[in-house]
C-alpha atoms as a PDB file:
ATOM      1  CA  UNK A   1     -40.884 -19.485 121.191  1.00  0.00           C
ATOM      2  CA  UNK A   2     -38.780 -18.929 124.345  1.00  0.00           C
ATOM      3  CA  UNK A   3     -41.922 -18.505 126.389  1.00  0.00           C
ATOM      4  CA  UNK A   4     -43.249 -21.719 124.992  1.00  0.00           C
ATOM      5  CA  UNK A   5     -40.033 -23.660 125.705  1.00  0.00           C
ATOM      6  CA  UNK A   6     -39.907 -22.257 129.220  1.00  0.00           C
ATOM      7  CA  UNK A   7     -43.552 -23.219 129.798  1.00  0.00           C
ATOM      8  CA  UNK A   8     -43.095 -26.688 128.458  1.00  0.00           C
ATOM      9  CA  UNK A   9     -39.995 -27.212 130.801  1.00  0.00           C
ATOM     10  CA  UNK A  10     -41.834 -26.112 133.931  1.00  0.00           C
ATOM     11  CA  UNK A  11     -44.805 -28.341 133.100  1.00  0.00           C
ATOM     12  CA  UNK A  12     -42.375 -31.249 132.494  1.00  0.00           C
ATOM     13  CA  UNK A  13     -40.833 -30.580 135.948  1.00  0.00           C
ATOM     14  CA  UNK A  14     -44.197 -30.462 137.582  1.00  0.00           C
ATOM     15  CA  UNK A  15     -45.286 -33.795 136.006  1.00  0.00           C
ATOM     16  CA  UNK A  16     -41.911 -35.364 136.869  1.00  0.00           C
ATOM     17  CA  UNK A  17     -42.317 -34.177 140.447  1.00  0.00           C
ATOM     18  CA  UNK A  18     -45.864 -35.530 140.669  1.00  0.00           C
ATOM     19  CA  UNK A  19     -45.032 -38.926 139.293  1.00  0.00           C
ATOM     20  CA  UNK A  20     -41.877 -39.167 141.545  1.00  0.00           C
ATOM     21  CA  UNK A  21     -44.079 -38.299 144.600  1.00  0.00           C
ATOM     22  CA  UNK A  22     -46.675 -40.901 143.800  1.00  0.00           C
ATOM     23  CA  UNK A  23     -44.150 -43.678 143.074  1.00  0.00           C
ATOM     24  CA  UNK A  24     -42.095 -42.839 146.213  1.00  0.00           C
ATOM     25  CA  UNK A  25     -45.132 -43.177 148.460  1.00  0.00           C
ATOM     26  CA  UNK A  26     -46.276 -46.286 146.960  1.00  0.00           C
ATOM     27  CA  UNK A  27     -43.013 -48.159 146.957  1.00  0.00           C
ATOM     28  CA  UNK A  28     -42.202 -47.083 150.436  1.00  0.00           C
ATOM     29  CA  UNK A  29     -45.354 -48.542 151.819  1.00  0.00           C
ATOM     30  CA  UNK A  30     -44.213 -52.051 150.838  1.00  0.00           C
ATOM     31  CA  UNK A  31     -42.320 -54.033 153.507  1.00  0.00           C
ATOM     32  CA  UNK A  32     -38.459 -54.211 153.615  1.00  0.00           C
ATOM     33  CA  UNK A  33     -36.593 -57.365 153.788  1.00  0.00           C
ATOM     34  CA  UNK A  34     -33.569 -57.387 156.165  1.00  0.00           C
ATOM     35  CA  UNK A  35     -30.529 -59.696 155.071  1.00  0.00           C
ATOM     36  CA  UNK A  36     -29.745 -62.679 157.231  1.00  0.00           C
ATOM     37  CA  UNK A  37     -26.122 -61.735 157.612  1.00  0.00           C
ATOM     38  CA  UNK A  38     -25.571 -59.852 160.823  1.00  0.00           C
ATOM     39  CA  UNK A  39     -22.855 -57.651 159.267  1.00  0.00           C
ATOM     40  CA  UNK A  40     -24.968 -56.703 156.380  1.00  0.00           C
ATOM     41  CA  UNK A  41     -27.926 -56.173 158.747  1.00  0.00           C
ATOM     42  CA  UNK A  42     -26.027 -53.416 160.690  1.00  0.00           C
ATOM     43  CA  UNK A  43     -24.695 -51.807 157.493  1.00  0.00           C
ATOM     44  CA  UNK A  44     -28.103 -51.757 155.959  1.00  0.00           C
ATOM     45  CA  UNK A  45     -29.629 -50.403 159.190  1.00  0.00           C
ATOM     46  CA  UNK A  46     -27.071 -47.585 159.493  1.00  0.00           C
ATOM     47  CA  UNK A  47     -27.724 -46.621 155.833  1.00  0.00           C
ATOM     48  CA  UNK A  48     -31.516 -46.761 156.333  1.00  0.00           C
ATOM     49  CA  UNK A  49     -31.374 -44.564 159.339  1.00  0.00           C
ATOM     50  CA  UNK A  50     -29.212 -42.017 157.275  1.00  0.00           C
ATOM     51  CA  UNK A  51     -31.904 -41.950 154.675  1.00  0.00           C
ATOM     52  CA  UNK A  52     -34.672 -41.630 157.173  1.00  0.00           C
ATOM     53  CA  UNK A  53     -36.457 -44.931 156.457  1.00  0.00           C
ATOM     54  CA  UNK A  54     -37.770 -45.051 159.987  1.00  0.00           C
ATOM     55  CA  UNK A  55     -39.301 -41.664 159.789  1.00  0.00           C
ATOM     56  CA  UNK A  56     -42.876 -40.668 158.473  1.00  0.00           C
ATOM     57  CA  UNK A  57     -43.221 -40.952 154.673  1.00  0.00           C
ATOM     58  CA  UNK A  58     -43.250 -37.160 154.204  1.00  0.00           C
ATOM     59  CA  UNK A  59     -40.034 -36.695 155.983  1.00  0.00           C
ATOM     60  CA  UNK A  60     -38.542 -39.603 154.081  1.00  0.00           C
ATOM     61  CA  UNK A  61     -39.436 -37.916 150.812  1.00  0.00           C
ATOM     62  CA  UNK A  62     -38.036 -34.606 152.098  1.00  0.00           C
ATOM     63  CA  UNK A  63     -34.719 -36.303 152.887  1.00  0.00           C
ATOM     64  CA  UNK A  64     -34.777 -38.098 149.404  1.00  0.00           C
ATOM     65  CA  UNK A  65     -35.274 -34.827 147.610  1.00  0.00           C
ATOM     66  CA  UNK A  66     -32.664 -33.063 149.794  1.00  0.00           C
ATOM     67  CA  UNK A  67     -30.105 -35.741 148.840  1.00  0.00           C
ATOM     68  CA  UNK A  68     -30.912 -35.426 145.116  1.00  0.00           C
ATOM     69  CA  UNK A  69     -30.612 -31.723 144.927  1.00  0.00           C
ATOM     70  CA  UNK A  70     -27.723 -31.162 147.312  1.00  0.00           C
ATOM     71  CA  UNK A  71     -25.448 -34.221 146.611  1.00  0.00           C
ATOM     72  CA  UNK A  72     -27.039 -35.754 143.408  1.00  0.00           C
ATOM     73  CA  UNK A  73     -27.640 -38.887 145.498  1.00  0.00           C
ATOM     74  CA  UNK A  74     -30.544 -41.152 144.224  1.00  0.00           C
ATOM     75  CA  UNK A  75     -30.031 -43.524 147.065  1.00  0.00           C
ATOM     76  CA  UNK A  76     -28.439 -47.051 147.210  1.00  0.00           C
ATOM     77  CA  UNK A  77     -29.264 -50.277 145.507  1.00  0.00           C
ATOM     78  CA  UNK A  78     -29.780 -52.951 148.263  1.00  0.00           C
ATOM     79  CA  UNK A  79     -30.378 -56.264 146.358  1.00  0.00           C
ATOM     80  CA  UNK A  80     -29.644 -55.952 142.764  1.00  0.00           C
ATOM     81  CA  UNK A  81     -26.102 -54.481 143.493  1.00  0.00           C
ATOM     82  CA  UNK A  82     -25.673 -54.239 147.219  1.00  0.00           C
ATOM     83  CA  UNK A  83     -24.393 -50.965 148.675  1.00  0.00           C
ATOM     84  CA  UNK A  84     -23.780 -49.513 145.148  1.00  0.00           C
ATOM     85  CA  UNK A  85     -25.213 -45.941 144.292  1.00  0.00           C
ATOM     86  CA  UNK A  86     -28.419 -46.425 142.308  1.00  0.00           C
ATOM     87  CA  UNK A  87     -27.267 -43.823 139.703  1.00  0.00           C
ATOM     88  CA  UNK A  88     -24.113 -45.899 139.208  1.00  0.00           C
ATOM     89  CA  UNK A  89     -25.871 -48.996 138.760  1.00  0.00           C
ATOM     90  CA  UNK A  90     -28.160 -47.480 136.137  1.00  0.00           C
ATOM     91  CA  UNK A  91     -25.245 -45.875 134.272  1.00  0.00           C
ATOM     92  CA  UNK A  92     -23.537 -49.269 133.982  1.00  0.00           C
ATOM     93  CA  UNK A  93     -26.785 -50.707 132.371  1.00  0.00           C
ATOM     94  CA  UNK A  94     -27.406 -47.819 130.057  1.00  0.00           C
ATOM     95  CA  UNK A  95     -24.882 -48.644 127.252  1.00  0.00           C
ATOM     96  CA  UNK A  96     -26.268 -52.000 126.247  1.00  0.00           C
ATOM     97  CA  UNK A  97     -29.799 -50.441 126.003  1.00  0.00           C
ATOM     98  CA  UNK A  98     -28.523 -47.572 123.917  1.00  0.00           C
ATOM     99  CA  UNK A  99     -26.582 -49.974 121.540  1.00  0.00           C
ATOM    100  CA  UNK A 100     -29.362 -52.398 120.902  1.00  0.00           C
ATOM    101  CA  UNK A 101     -32.011 -49.755 120.422  1.00  0.00           C
ATOM    102  CA  UNK A 102     -29.640 -47.698 118.122  1.00  0.00           C
ATOM    103  CA  UNK A 103     -28.979 -50.669 115.935  1.00  0.00           C
ATOM    104  CA  UNK A 104     -32.807 -51.261 115.674  1.00  0.00           C
ATOM    105  CA  UNK A 105     -33.428 -47.677 114.718  1.00  0.00           C
ATOM    106  CA  UNK A 106     -30.688 -47.622 112.118  1.00  0.00           C
ATOM    107  CA  UNK A 107     -32.406 -50.687 110.580  1.00  0.00           C
ATOM    108  CA  UNK A 108     -36.058 -49.424 110.977  1.00  0.00           C
ATOM    109  CA  UNK A 109     -35.906 -45.894 109.714  1.00  0.00           C
ATOM    110  CA  UNK A 110     -34.517 -46.529 106.147  1.00  0.00           C
ATOM    111  CA  UNK A 111     -36.882 -49.549 105.633  1.00  0.00           C
ATOM    112  CA  UNK A 112     -39.945 -47.768 107.085  1.00  0.00           C
ATOM    113  CA  UNK A 113     -39.377 -44.807 104.827  1.00  0.00           C
ATOM    114  CA  UNK A 114     -38.638 -46.955 101.728  1.00  0.00           C
ATOM    115  CA  UNK A 115     -41.772 -49.107 102.185  1.00  0.00           C
ATOM    116  CA  UNK A 116     -43.828 -46.105 102.944  1.00  0.00           C
ATOM    117  CA  UNK A 117     -42.685 -44.284  99.773  1.00  0.00           C
ATOM    118  CA  UNK A 118     -43.197 -47.308  97.710  1.00  0.00           C
ATOM    119  CA  UNK A 119     -46.836 -47.723  99.024  1.00  0.00           C
ATOM    120  CA  UNK A 120     -47.654 -44.132  98.382  1.00  0.00           C
ATOM    121  CA  UNK A 121     -46.227 -44.143  94.866  1.00  0.00           C
ATOM    122  CA  UNK A 122     -47.966 -47.354  94.059  1.00  0.00           C
ATOM    123  CA  UNK A 123     -51.265 -46.413  95.651  1.00  0.00           C
ATOM    124  CA  UNK A 124     -54.220 -48.786  95.152  1.00  0.00           C
ATOM    125  CA  UNK A 125     -51.883 -51.254  93.315  1.00  0.00           C
ATOM    126  CA  UNK A 126     -50.925 -54.747  94.487  1.00  0.00           C
ATOM    127  CA  UNK A 127     -47.694 -53.431  96.043  1.00  0.00           C
ATOM    128  CA  UNK A 128     -49.703 -50.921  98.307  1.00  0.00           C
ATOM    129  CA  UNK A 129     -52.286 -53.557  99.203  1.00  0.00           C
ATOM    130  CA  UNK A 130     -49.452 -56.033 100.242  1.00  0.00           C
ATOM    131  CA  UNK A 131     -47.445 -53.409 102.213  1.00  0.00           C
ATOM    132  CA  UNK A 132     -50.765 -52.060 103.917  1.00  0.00           C
ATOM    133  CA  UNK A 133     -51.808 -55.570 104.887  1.00  0.00           C
ATOM    134  CA  UNK A 134     -48.330 -56.350 106.392  1.00  0.00           C
ATOM    135  CA  UNK A 135     -48.307 -53.028 108.237  1.00  0.00           C
ATOM    136  CA  UNK A 136     -51.708 -53.844 109.864  1.00  0.00           C
ATOM    137  CA  UNK A 137     -50.224 -57.134 110.973  1.00  0.00           C
ATOM    138  CA  UNK A 138     -47.027 -55.754 112.421  1.00  0.00           C
ATOM    139  CA  UNK A 139     -48.610 -52.859 114.083  1.00  0.00           C
ATOM    140  CA  UNK A 140     -51.255 -54.969 115.872  1.00  0.00           C
ATOM    141  CA  UNK A 141     -48.905 -57.658 117.186  1.00  0.00           C
ATOM    142  CA  UNK A 142     -46.929 -56.803 120.407  1.00  0.00           C
ATOM    143  CA  UNK A 143     -43.072 -56.812 120.275  1.00  0.00           C
ATOM    144  CA  UNK A 144     -42.832 -59.712 122.633  1.00  0.00           C
ATOM    145  CA  UNK A 145     -44.766 -61.873 120.225  1.00  0.00           C
ATOM    146  CA  UNK A 146     -42.107 -61.188 117.567  1.00  0.00           C
ATOM    147  CA  UNK A 147     -39.346 -61.981 120.133  1.00  0.00           C
ATOM    148  CA  UNK A 148     -40.853 -65.419 120.697  1.00  0.00           C
ATOM    149  CA  UNK A 149     -41.243 -66.062 117.006  1.00  0.00           C
ATOM    150  CA  UNK A 150     -37.671 -64.828 116.160  1.00  0.00           C
ATOM    151  CA  UNK A 151     -36.353 -67.194 118.883  1.00  0.00           C
ATOM    152  CA  UNK A 152     -38.366 -70.078 117.639  1.00  0.00           C
ATOM    153  CA  UNK A 153     -37.436 -69.779 113.926  1.00  0.00           C
ATOM    154  CA  UNK A 154     -33.961 -68.349 114.098  1.00  0.00           C
ATOM    155  CA  UNK A 155     -32.788 -70.498 117.130  1.00  0.00           C
ATOM    156  CA  UNK A 156     -34.870 -73.611 117.472  1.00  0.00           C
ATOM    157  CA  UNK A 157     -35.825 -74.273 113.917  1.00  0.00           C
ATOM    158  CA  UNK A 158     -32.924 -72.914 111.913  1.00  0.00           C
ATOM    159  CA  UNK A 159     -30.120 -72.561 114.494  1.00  0.00           C
ATOM    160  CA  UNK A 160     -28.915 -69.423 112.835  1.00  0.00           C
ATOM    161  CA  UNK A 161     -28.498 -67.215 115.957  1.00  0.00           C
ATOM    162  CA  UNK A 162     -28.053 -67.810 119.763  1.00  0.00           C
ATOM    163  CA  UNK A 163     -31.069 -67.754 122.043  1.00  0.00           C
ATOM    164  CA  UNK A 164     -29.828 -64.770 124.148  1.00  0.00           C
ATOM    165  CA  UNK A 165     -27.404 -61.959 123.769  1.00  0.00           C
ATOM    166  CA  UNK A 166     -23.806 -62.952 124.588  1.00  0.00           C
ATOM    167  CA  UNK A 167     -22.235 -61.702 127.779  1.00  0.00           C
ATOM    168  CA  UNK A 168     -19.037 -59.502 127.511  1.00  0.00           C
ATOM    169  CA  UNK A 169     -16.889 -62.456 128.273  1.00  0.00           C
ATOM    170  CA  UNK A 170     -18.397 -64.710 125.671  1.00  0.00           C
ATOM    171  CA  UNK A 171     -18.334 -61.834 123.059  1.00  0.00           C
ATOM    172  CA  UNK A 172     -14.531 -61.066 123.539  1.00  0.00           C
ATOM    173  CA  UNK A 173     -14.737 -58.354 126.170  1.00  0.00           C
ATOM    174  CA  UNK A 174     -16.263 -55.624 123.964  1.00  0.00           C
ATOM    175  CA  UNK A 175     -19.672 -54.524 122.971  1.00  0.00           C
ATOM    176  CA  UNK A 176     -18.425 -53.746 119.529  1.00  0.00           C
ATOM    177  CA  UNK A 177     -17.136 -57.141 118.299  1.00  0.00           C
ATOM    178  CA  UNK A 178     -18.951 -58.922 115.516  1.00  0.00           C
ATOM    179  CA  UNK A 179     -19.792 -61.798 117.794  1.00  0.00           C
ATOM    180  CA  UNK A 180     -21.693 -59.388 120.040  1.00  0.00           C
ATOM    181  CA  UNK A 181     -23.558 -57.744 117.137  1.00  0.00           C
ATOM    182  CA  UNK A 182     -24.313 -61.284 115.779  1.00  0.00           C
ATOM    183  CA  UNK A 183     -25.865 -62.325 119.111  1.00  0.00           C
ATOM    184  CA  UNK A 184     -27.946 -58.994 119.174  1.00  0.00           C
ATOM    185  CA  UNK A 185     -29.549 -59.597 115.726  1.00  0.00           C
ATOM    186  CA  UNK A 186     -32.657 -61.402 117.098  1.00  0.00           C
ATOM    187  CA  UNK A 187     -33.428 -58.649 119.597  1.00  0.00           C
ATOM    188  CA  UNK A 188     -32.741 -55.954 116.900  1.00  0.00           C
ATOM    189  CA  UNK A 189     -35.251 -57.635 114.620  1.00  0.00           C
ATOM    190  CA  UNK A 190     -37.862 -57.967 117.361  1.00  0.00           C
ATOM    191  CA  UNK A 191     -37.456 -54.265 118.159  1.00  0.00           C
ATOM    192  CA  UNK A 192     -37.590 -53.190 114.516  1.00  0.00           C
ATOM    193  CA  UNK A 193     -40.793 -54.803 113.253  1.00  0.00           C
ATOM    194  CA  UNK A 194     -43.220 -52.588 114.973  1.00  0.00           C
ATOM    195  CA  UNK A 195     -41.172 -49.456 114.286  1.00  0.00           C
ATOM    196  CA  UNK A 196     -40.877 -50.214 110.610  1.00  0.00           C
ATOM    197  CA  UNK A 197     -44.698 -50.739 110.337  1.00  0.00           C
ATOM    198  CA  UNK A 198     -45.440 -47.580 112.264  1.00  0.00           C
ATOM    199  CA  UNK A 199     -43.150 -45.423 110.255  1.00  0.00           C
ATOM    200  CA  UNK A 200     -44.241 -46.952 106.891  1.00  0.00           C
ATOM    201  CA  UNK A 201     -47.857 -46.322 107.714  1.00  0.00           C
ATOM    202  CA  UNK A 202     -47.215 -42.671 108.727  1.00  0.00           C
ATOM    203  CA  UNK A 203     -45.056 -42.045 105.609  1.00  0.00           C
ATOM    204  CA  UNK A 204     -47.554 -43.387 103.324  1.00  0.00           C
ATOM    205  CA  UNK A 205     -50.393 -41.310 104.791  1.00  0.00           C
ATOM    206  CA  UNK A 206     -48.407 -38.147 104.547  1.00  0.00           C
ATOM    207  CA  UNK A 207     -46.886 -38.748 101.156  1.00  0.00           C
ATOM    208  CA  UNK A 208     -50.136 -39.804  99.700  1.00  0.00           C
ATOM    209  CA  UNK A 209     -51.724 -36.538 100.603  1.00  0.00           C
ATOM    210  CA  UNK A 210     -48.592 -34.611  99.330  1.00  0.00           C
ATOM    211  CA  UNK A 211     -48.492 -36.368  95.966  1.00  0.00           C
ATOM    212  CA  UNK A 212     -52.065 -34.973  95.213  1.00  0.00           C
ATOM    213  CA  UNK A 213     -50.982 -31.340  95.746  1.00  0.00           C
ATOM    214  CA  UNK A 214     -50.962 -28.757  92.990  1.00  0.00           C
ATOM    215  CA  UNK A 215     -47.186 -28.131  93.093  1.00  0.00           C
ATOM    216  CA  UNK A 216     -46.636 -31.841  92.317  1.00  0.00           C
ATOM    217  CA  UNK A 217     -48.650 -31.301  89.097  1.00  0.00           C
ATOM    218  CA  UNK A 218     -46.528 -28.282  88.390  1.00  0.00           C
ATOM    219  CA  UNK A 219     -43.281 -30.340  88.980  1.00  0.00           C
ATOM    220  CA  UNK A 220     -44.437 -33.105  86.513  1.00  0.00           C
ATOM    221  CA  UNK A 221     -45.422 -30.556  83.819  1.00  0.00           C
ATOM    222  CA  UNK A 222     -41.849 -29.108  84.116  1.00  0.00           C
ATOM    223  CA  UNK A 223     -40.527 -32.458  82.953  1.00  0.00           C
ATOM    224  CA  UNK A 224     -39.604 -34.178  86.219  1.00  0.00           C
ATOM    225  CA  UNK A 225     -40.285 -37.938  86.297  1.00  0.00           C
ATOM    226  CA  UNK A 226     -42.616 -39.249  88.941  1.00  0.00           C
ATOM    227  CA  UNK A 227     -39.728 -40.415  91.167  1.00  0.00           C
ATOM    228  CA  UNK A 228     -37.838 -37.178  90.701  1.00  0.00           C
ATOM    229  CA  UNK A 229     -40.814 -35.103  91.753  1.00  0.00           C
ATOM    230  CA  UNK A 230     -41.487 -37.365  94.611  1.00  0.00           C
ATOM    231  CA  UNK A 231     -37.979 -37.424  96.044  1.00  0.00           C
ATOM    232  CA  UNK A 232     -37.233 -33.687  95.505  1.00  0.00           C
ATOM    233  CA  UNK A 233     -40.683 -32.118  96.420  1.00  0.00           C
ATOM    234  CA  UNK A 234     -43.208 -34.409  97.824  1.00  0.00           C
ATOM    235  CA  UNK A 235     -40.918 -36.342 100.284  1.00  0.00           C
ATOM    236  CA  UNK A 236     -39.297 -33.122 101.475  1.00  0.00           C
ATOM    237  CA  UNK A 237     -42.628 -31.677 102.460  1.00  0.00           C
ATOM    238  CA  UNK A 238     -43.937 -34.923 103.896  1.00  0.00           C
ATOM    239  CA  UNK A 239     -40.983 -35.118 106.208  1.00  0.00           C
ATOM    240  CA  UNK A 240     -42.212 -32.164 108.275  1.00  0.00           C
ATOM    241  CA  UNK A 241     -44.435 -34.474 110.482  1.00  0.00           C
ATOM    242  CA  UNK A 242     -42.221 -37.571 109.858  1.00  0.00           C
ATOM    243  CA  UNK A 243     -38.869 -36.241 111.062  1.00  0.00           C
ATOM    244  CA  UNK A 244     -40.100 -35.415 114.546  1.00  0.00           C
ATOM    245  CA  UNK A 245     -41.356 -39.132 114.850  1.00  0.00           C
ATOM    246  CA  UNK A 246     -37.809 -40.213 113.974  1.00  0.00           C
ATOM    247  CA  UNK A 247     -36.203 -37.758 116.425  1.00  0.00           C
ATOM    248  CA  UNK A 248     -38.498 -38.999 119.180  1.00  0.00           C
ATOM    249  CA  UNK A 249     -37.255 -42.615 118.545  1.00  0.00           C
ATOM    250  CA  UNK A 250     -33.558 -41.553 118.880  1.00  0.00           C
ATOM    251  CA  UNK A 251     -34.514 -39.834 122.131  1.00  0.00           C
ATOM    252  CA  UNK A 252     -36.465 -42.810 123.369  1.00  0.00           C
ATOM    253  CA  UNK A 253     -33.613 -45.266 122.753  1.00  0.00           C
ATOM    254  CA  UNK A 254     -32.431 -44.407 126.331  1.00  0.00           C
ATOM    255  CA  UNK A 255     -35.497 -45.897 127.654  1.00  0.00           C
ATOM    256  CA  UNK A 256     -35.026 -49.226 126.023  1.00  0.00           C
ATOM    257  CA  UNK A 257     -37.463 -52.000 126.135  1.00  0.00           C
ATOM    258  CA  UNK A 258     -38.559 -53.707 129.228  1.00  0.00           C
ATOM    259  CA  UNK A 259     -39.797 -56.916 127.776  1.00  0.00           C
ATOM    260  CA  UNK A 260     -37.391 -57.430 124.873  1.00  0.00           C
ATOM    261  CA  UNK A 261     -34.422 -56.981 127.337  1.00  0.00           C
ATOM    262  CA  UNK A 262     -35.848 -59.525 129.699  1.00  0.00           C
ATOM    263  CA  UNK A 263     -36.545 -62.096 126.860  1.00  0.00           C
ATOM    264  CA  UNK A 264     -33.123 -61.878 125.262  1.00  0.00           C
ATOM    265  CA  UNK A 265     -31.234 -61.352 128.718  1.00  0.00           C
ATOM    266  CA  UNK A 266     -29.894 -58.012 127.694  1.00  0.00           C
ATOM    267  CA  UNK A 267     -28.142 -56.403 130.717  1.00  0.00           C
ATOM    268  CA  UNK A 268     -29.891 -53.093 130.131  1.00  0.00           C
ATOM    269  CA  UNK A 269     -32.050 -50.491 131.799  1.00  0.00           C
ATOM    270  CA  UNK A 270     -35.260 -52.411 131.041  1.00  0.00           C
ATOM    271  CA  UNK A 271     -34.050 -55.585 132.732  1.00  0.00           C
ATOM    272  CA  UNK A 272     -32.728 -53.641 135.577  1.00  0.00           C
ATOM    273  CA  UNK A 273     -36.119 -52.066 136.158  1.00  0.00           C
ATOM    274  CA  UNK A 274     -37.766 -55.503 136.216  1.00  0.00           C
ATOM    275  CA  UNK A 275     -35.222 -56.749 138.788  1.00  0.00           C
ATOM    276  CA  UNK A 276     -35.759 -53.694 140.989  1.00  0.00           C
ATOM    277  CA  UNK A 277     -39.418 -54.297 141.038  1.00  0.00           C
ATOM    278  CA  UNK A 278     -39.188 -57.984 141.795  1.00  0.00           C
ATOM    279  CA  UNK A 279     -36.613 -57.507 144.584  1.00  0.00           C
ATOM    280  CA  UNK A 280     -38.281 -54.473 146.026  1.00  0.00           C
ATOM    281  CA  UNK A 281     -34.917 -52.481 145.572  1.00  0.00           C
ATOM    282  CA  UNK A 282     -36.509 -49.186 146.658  1.00  0.00           C
ATOM    283  CA  UNK A 283     -33.915 -46.604 145.591  1.00  0.00           C
ATOM    284  CA  UNK A 284     -33.140 -48.416 142.483  1.00  0.00           C
ATOM    285  CA  UNK A 285     -36.725 -48.470 141.458  1.00  0.00           C
ATOM    286  CA  UNK A 286     -37.130 -44.814 142.127  1.00  0.00           C
ATOM    287  CA  UNK A 287     -33.871 -44.047 140.050  1.00  0.00           C
ATOM    288  CA  UNK A 288     -35.320 -45.998 137.059  1.00  0.00           C
ATOM    289  CA  UNK A 289     -38.762 -44.452 137.507  1.00  0.00           C
ATOM    290  CA  UNK A 290     -37.356 -40.975 137.350  1.00  0.00           C
ATOM    291  CA  UNK A 291     -35.150 -41.865 134.366  1.00  0.00           C
ATOM    292  CA  UNK A 292     -37.975 -43.415 132.356  1.00  0.00           C
ATOM    293  CA  UNK A 293     -40.333 -40.503 133.142  1.00  0.00           C
ATOM    294  CA  UNK A 294     -37.746 -37.881 132.259  1.00  0.00           C
ATOM    295  CA  UNK A 295     -37.000 -39.610 128.977  1.00  0.00           C
ATOM    296  CA  UNK A 296     -40.778 -39.811 128.015  1.00  0.00           C
ATOM    297  CA  UNK A 297     -41.262 -36.123 128.812  1.00  0.00           C
ATOM    298  CA  UNK A 298     -38.160 -34.981 127.136  1.00  0.00           C
ATOM    299  CA  UNK A 299     -39.222 -36.927 123.893  1.00  0.00           C
ATOM    300  CA  UNK A 300     -42.641 -35.054 123.958  1.00  0.00           C
ATOM    301  CA  UNK A 301     -40.738 -31.663 124.153  1.00  0.00           C
ATOM    302  CA  UNK A 302     -38.244 -32.606 121.403  1.00  0.00           C
ATOM    303  CA  UNK A 303     -41.113 -33.546 119.032  1.00  0.00           C
ATOM    304  CA  UNK A 304     -42.956 -30.324 119.488  1.00  0.00           C
ATOM    305  CA  UNK A 305     -39.906 -28.142 119.111  1.00  0.00           C
ATOM    306  CA  UNK A 306     -38.694 -30.018 116.139  1.00  0.00           C
ATOM    307  CA  UNK A 307     -41.574 -28.895 114.131  1.00  0.00           C
ATOM    308  CA  UNK A 308     -40.408 -25.281 114.289  1.00  0.00           C
ATOM    309  CA  UNK A 309     -36.985 -26.032 113.266  1.00  0.00           C
ATOM    310  CA  UNK A 310     -37.767 -28.332 110.409  1.00  0.00           C
ATOM    311  CA  UNK A 311     -40.480 -25.863 109.061  1.00  0.00           C
ATOM    312  CA  UNK A 312     -39.728 -22.205 109.951  1.00  0.00           C
ATOM    313  CA  UNK A 313     -43.380 -21.434 109.068  1.00  0.00           C
ATOM    314  CA  UNK A 314     -44.488 -23.209 112.222  1.00  0.00           C
ATOM    315  CA  UNK A 315     -44.156 -21.237 115.386  1.00  0.00           C
ATOM    316  CA  UNK A 316     -44.961 -22.662 118.777  1.00  0.00           C
ATOM    317  CA  UNK A 317     -47.023 -20.718 121.335  1.00  0.00           C
ATOM    318  CA  UNK A 318     -48.606 -18.395 118.790  1.00  0.00           C
ATOM    319  CA  UNK A 319     -52.360 -17.449 119.273  1.00  0.00           C
END
């Protein structure tokens, strides 16, 4: 197990380095815009010279890596937040992303499990057909389509919620006020539909197979009702492949949603990434790229390792 973990971490670092290298070379090829203000011009030129922007690409990359490993310096934001460290800009935008996605998961997981269990228990009945049809619809439609539909009905037609997430000033100066949560509801719903459908489909598939096992027949003959046998035995065994999916969702909340954050004006990591790309903010783009890549790779490792912790019979790395 230890050898497997070390191997996966080394592979993760290699992939992270490869993606970082490719993105660095591609973004640095693009032209730089110099500000019109003469004071800013000199300040920018001095900082660019310190970062080796006028050197060949490989030397620039060497300086970039050196700054990361020696000073934990991921560069400076030039346009989104001028002269601010890229890591600091990212950290400032991280909390709104975590909050919205955490609310979404807290809504999605119970509903996804509940509908999945209901569809499995009522297999081939009208409840199963209805849930399966809805799952196909919600899985097939992209999240940004839900966002537009939610905005249209909840804002334009019914006027129940605001169009975008409130700013801190409008919400009372805190992310934990009821007014802020109220404004986040459309974004939370938009993020939840696909997750609920995916978890429901997965739960139904696993639980349907488990319900036909021999030990389930034994549990029923011992006097347990169908719901008791399902909850105590079938669901427990079906959760072995389901729990890693849930865990990966909690790890992935750091990555946020590029499109949803842009649509609902959430000042999070996703919206920051789009701004960095549009404004050619080199170092901020690289900071976001490294962050997103690391979160994706870490999610994969967490999923694989969680199987062994959930079910001790599973051991990674065995031949």
